[in-house]
Amino acid sequence: MDEIKSLEEYAQELVECIRDQYENFFYRGYDDLPIIKEWYTLGIEPHYVLMALAEENIPDRFTFGDVREPVKRWFFRECRKEAEEARKSFSKETLPHNRIEKLYKIVKSVLIELNFNDFSIAYKILSLREYPNLFEVEKSLKEIEDQFYALLESHSPHVEECKARIRKQLDPYSVYWSSKIYKLTARTLLRDCLKKAHGIPEFSAV
């Protein structure tokens, strides 16, 4: 969300926006709250919902249930587009505020690819735009990076392929290195492999 809103405020604004544009929209009250809460959690602003409805084929008379999936599909597609644009320009970006916003879009897109509905890690990144101290920003980004890659290591479809490639790469050194060095190296290489597979830039604002 661009601003902090309660679920109640979001629901009221959302219903009013749709009613203003569509006379045949039917709001079912309490029965629609699970859908409204889902969109709220995903960060689908009311104006995004209107943009989705304008582009999708919707019934003449509709409820939230009728447009739940079309709105989500539209929003996820836009998130992926924004992430691709962010990837193209991230390395050339010099303003910390903009780098943080681009990183947020990329991380959110990856979470969508992995079918996550919890974007709290992405929102943590976005919240760092308000930090005046770059040292604290970098420190926080490092912590968020560790949390994010822990998720990737558990859910990415590329994990097994990456691990197999790493085992083959490190096999000649297994008899010379200690177990600790081997594991640390393998972990670093796994992160690098996942980073390339998902198109993830450095977690840095500078």
Protein backbone atom coordinates (compact mmCIF):
# COMPACT_ATOMS: atom_id res chain seq x y z
CA MET A 1 0.00 0.00 0.00
CA ASP A 2 1.20 3.53 -0.77
CA GLU A 3 -0.11 4.65 2.60
CA ILE A 4 -1.01 2.88 5.80
CA LYS A 5 -4.70 1.99 5.81
CA SER A 6 -6.71 -0.21 8.11
CA LEU A 7 -8.61 -3.08 6.54
CA GLU A 8 -11.84 -1.23 7.30
CA GLU A 9 -10.64 1.94 5.56
CA TYR A 10 -9.45 -0.07 2.59
CA ALA A 11 -12.76 -1.94 2.29
CA GLN A 12 -14.77 1.29 2.42
CA GLU A 13 -12.62 3.01 -0.21
CA LEU A 14 -12.64 -0.07 -2.44
CA VAL A 15 -16.42 -0.50 -2.39
CA GLU A 16 -17.01 3.22 -2.99
CA CYS A 17 -14.58 3.28 -5.94
CA ILE A 18 -16.25 0.35 -7.67
CA ARG A 19 -19.76 1.62 -6.99
CA ASP A 20 -18.86 4.99 -8.49
CA GLN A 21 -17.80 3.34 -11.74
CA TYR A 22 -20.16 0.36 -12.00
CA GLU A 23 -23.87 0.69 -11.28
CA ASN A 24 -24.40 -3.07 -11.51
CA PHE A 25 -21.84 -3.98 -8.86
CA PHE A 26 -23.43 -5.92 -6.00
CA TYR A 27 -21.66 -5.80 -2.62
CA ARG A 28 -22.49 -8.74 -0.36
CA GLY A 29 -21.11 -7.23 2.83
CA TYR A 30 -19.65 -9.71 5.32
CA ASP A 31 -19.52 -12.50 2.71
CA ASP A 32 -17.06 -10.46 0.63
CA LEU A 33 -14.63 -9.77 3.47
CA PRO A 34 -12.32 -12.76 2.71
CA ILE A 35 -11.76 -11.41 -0.83
CA ILE A 36 -11.26 -7.84 0.39
CA LYS A 37 -8.80 -9.05 3.03
CA GLU A 38 -6.89 -11.05 0.41
CA TRP A 39 -6.55 -8.02 -1.88
CA TYR A 40 -5.58 -5.87 1.10
CA THR A 41 -2.84 -8.34 2.09
CA LEU A 42 -1.56 -8.49 -1.49
CA GLY A 43 -1.41 -4.70 -1.61
CA ILE A 44 -3.88 -4.24 -4.48
CA GLU A 45 -4.84 -0.58 -4.22
CA PRO A 46 -8.42 0.39 -5.20
CA HIS A 47 -7.20 2.21 -8.31
CA TYR A 48 -5.43 -0.99 -9.41
CA VAL A 49 -8.73 -2.86 -9.04
CA LEU A 50 -10.44 -0.33 -11.28
CA MET A 51 -7.67 -0.63 -13.87
CA ALA A 52 -8.01 -4.42 -13.80
CA LEU A 53 -11.79 -4.27 -14.20
CA ALA A 54 -11.41 -1.90 -17.16
CA GLU A 55 -9.17 -4.39 -18.98
CA GLU A 56 -10.80 -7.69 -18.01
CA ASN A 57 -14.04 -9.16 -19.33
CA ILE A 58 -16.47 -8.90 -16.44
CA PRO A 59 -20.21 -9.71 -16.27
CA ASP A 60 -22.74 -6.89 -16.64
CA ARG A 61 -23.80 -7.52 -13.07
CA PHE A 62 -21.06 -8.74 -10.77
CA THR A 63 -19.86 -9.30 -7.21
CA PHE A 64 -16.39 -9.46 -5.70
CA GLY A 65 -16.52 -13.22 -6.20
CA ASP A 66 -16.95 -12.79 -9.95
CA VAL A 67 -13.82 -10.65 -10.31
CA ARG A 68 -11.60 -12.10 -7.59
CA GLU A 69 -9.32 -14.12 -9.88
CA PRO A 70 -9.28 -11.70 -12.87
CA VAL A 71 -8.15 -8.87 -10.58
CA LYS A 72 -5.42 -11.03 -9.06
CA ARG A 73 -4.20 -12.19 -12.48
CA TRP A 74 -4.06 -8.62 -13.73
CA PHE A 75 -2.23 -7.44 -10.62
CA PHE A 76 0.32 -10.26 -10.73
CA ARG A 77 0.95 -9.60 -14.43
CA GLU A 78 1.58 -5.91 -13.70
CA CYS A 79 3.91 -6.82 -10.83
CA ARG A 80 5.95 -9.02 -13.17
CA LYS A 81 6.15 -6.21 -15.75
CA GLU A 82 7.30 -3.73 -13.12
CA ALA A 83 9.92 -6.21 -11.89
CA GLU A 84 11.33 -6.70 -15.39
CA GLU A 85 11.68 -2.94 -15.82
CA ALA A 86 13.35 -2.72 -12.41
CA ARG A 87 15.84 -5.48 -13.32
CA LYS A 88 16.86 -3.64 -16.49
CA SER A 89 17.68 -0.40 -14.68
CA PHE A 90 18.73 -1.54 -11.19
CA SER A 91 22.49 -1.66 -11.80
CA LYS A 92 22.45 1.86 -13.30
CA GLU A 93 20.36 3.39 -10.52
CA THR A 94 22.32 5.65 -8.18
CA LEU A 95 19.62 7.00 -5.85
CA PRO A 96 19.19 4.80 -2.73
CA HIS A 97 15.46 5.55 -2.55
CA ASN A 98 14.94 4.32 -6.11
CA ARG A 99 17.17 1.26 -5.68
CA ILE A 100 15.11 0.20 -2.66
CA GLU A 101 11.88 0.60 -4.60
CA LYS A 102 13.21 -1.41 -7.55
CA LEU A 103 14.47 -4.16 -5.23
CA TYR A 104 11.03 -4.27 -3.60
CA LYS A 105 9.34 -4.79 -6.98
CA ILE A 106 11.74 -7.59 -7.92
CA VAL A 107 11.42 -9.43 -4.60
CA LYS A 108 7.63 -9.11 -4.68
CA SER A 109 7.56 -10.55 -8.21
CA VAL A 110 9.67 -13.54 -7.12
CA LEU A 111 7.32 -14.17 -4.20
CA ILE A 112 4.40 -14.13 -6.66
CA GLU A 113 6.22 -16.66 -8.86
CA LEU A 114 6.52 -18.93 -5.82
CA ASN A 115 2.79 -18.56 -5.05
CA PHE A 116 3.30 -16.68 -1.78
CA ASN A 117 0.47 -14.51 -0.51
CA ASP A 118 2.60 -13.09 2.30
CA PHE A 119 4.66 -10.19 0.96
CA SER A 120 5.88 -8.95 4.35
CA ILE A 121 9.53 -9.40 3.33
CA ALA A 122 8.98 -7.19 0.27
CA TYR A 123 7.19 -4.57 2.38
CA LYS A 124 10.09 -4.54 4.85
CA ILE A 125 12.35 -3.55 1.96
CA LEU A 126 9.98 -0.79 0.86
CA SER A 127 9.78 0.62 4.39
CA LEU A 128 13.53 1.29 4.30
CA ARG A 129 12.89 4.23 1.95
CA GLU A 130 12.09 6.26 5.06
CA TYR A 131 15.40 5.48 6.83
CA PRO A 132 17.74 8.49 6.78
CA ASN A 133 20.83 6.49 7.80
CA LEU A 134 22.31 4.47 4.92
CA PHE A 135 24.37 2.36 7.31
CA GLU A 136 21.17 1.24 9.05
CA VAL A 137 19.55 0.63 5.65
CA GLU A 138 22.38 -1.65 4.54
CA LYS A 139 22.34 -3.49 7.86
CA SER A 140 18.59 -4.06 7.58
CA LEU A 141 18.88 -5.16 3.95
CA LYS A 142 21.41 -7.80 4.96
CA GLU A 143 18.98 -9.21 7.53
CA ILE A 144 16.10 -9.17 5.04
CA GLU A 145 18.31 -10.83 2.42
CA ASP A 146 19.01 -13.75 4.78
CA GLN A 147 15.27 -14.18 5.43
CA PHE A 148 14.45 -14.00 1.73
CA TYR A 149 17.05 -16.56 0.65
CA ALA A 150 15.92 -18.88 3.43
CA LEU A 151 12.49 -18.82 1.77
CA LEU A 152 14.01 -19.44 -1.65
CA GLU A 153 16.04 -22.37 -0.38
CA SER A 154 12.82 -23.95 0.90
CA HIS A 155 10.48 -23.15 -1.98
CA SER A 156 12.32 -22.38 -5.21
CA PRO A 157 11.85 -24.98 -7.98
CA HIS A 158 15.51 -24.42 -8.92
CA VAL A 159 16.98 -25.62 -5.62
CA GLU A 160 17.61 -29.26 -6.51
CA GLU A 161 19.09 -28.37 -9.89
CA CYS A 162 21.39 -25.83 -8.23
CA LYS A 163 22.45 -28.28 -5.51
CA ALA A 164 23.28 -30.97 -8.06
CA ARG A 165 25.42 -28.53 -10.03
CA ILE A 166 27.19 -27.38 -6.86
CA ARG A 167 27.94 -30.93 -5.70
CA LYS A 168 29.54 -31.65 -9.06
CA GLN A 169 31.51 -28.41 -8.91
CA LEU A 170 32.79 -28.98 -5.35
CA ASP A 171 33.34 -32.73 -5.51
CA PRO A 172 37.08 -32.46 -6.36
CA TYR A 173 37.63 -30.36 -3.20
CA SER A 174 35.60 -32.43 -0.74
CA VAL A 175 38.60 -34.46 0.44
CA TYR A 176 40.73 -31.34 1.08
CA TRP A 177 38.28 -28.98 2.75
CA SER A 178 36.87 -29.19 6.24
CA SER A 179 33.15 -29.85 6.58
CA LYS A 180 32.59 -26.26 7.72
CA ILE A 181 34.38 -24.71 4.73
CA TYR A 182 32.58 -27.04 2.34
CA LYS A 183 29.15 -26.16 3.74
CA LEU A 184 29.85 -22.40 3.73
CA THR A 185 31.06 -22.53 0.13
CA ALA A 186 28.10 -24.65 -0.96
CA ARG A 187 25.69 -22.22 0.71
CA THR A 188 27.28 -19.24 -1.01
CA LEU A 189 27.14 -20.97 -4.39
CA LEU A 190 23.51 -21.97 -3.79
CA ARG A 191 22.58 -18.35 -3.19
CA ASP A 192 24.45 -17.29 -6.32
CA CYS A 193 22.65 -19.94 -8.36
CA LEU A 194 19.21 -18.93 -7.05
CA LYS A 195 20.08 -15.29 -7.58
CA LYS A 196 20.74 -15.90 -11.27
CA ALA A 197 17.75 -18.23 -11.69
CA HIS A 198 15.29 -15.66 -10.32
CA GLY A 199 17.00 -12.50 -11.61
CA ILE A 200 17.67 -11.04 -8.16
CA PRO A 201 20.03 -8.06 -7.82
CA GLU A 202 22.27 -7.20 -4.87
CA PHE A 203 20.46 -6.33 -1.64
CA SER A 204 22.04 -2.90 -1.45
CA ALA A 205 20.81 0.68 -1.61
CA VAL A 206 24.18 2.07 -2.71
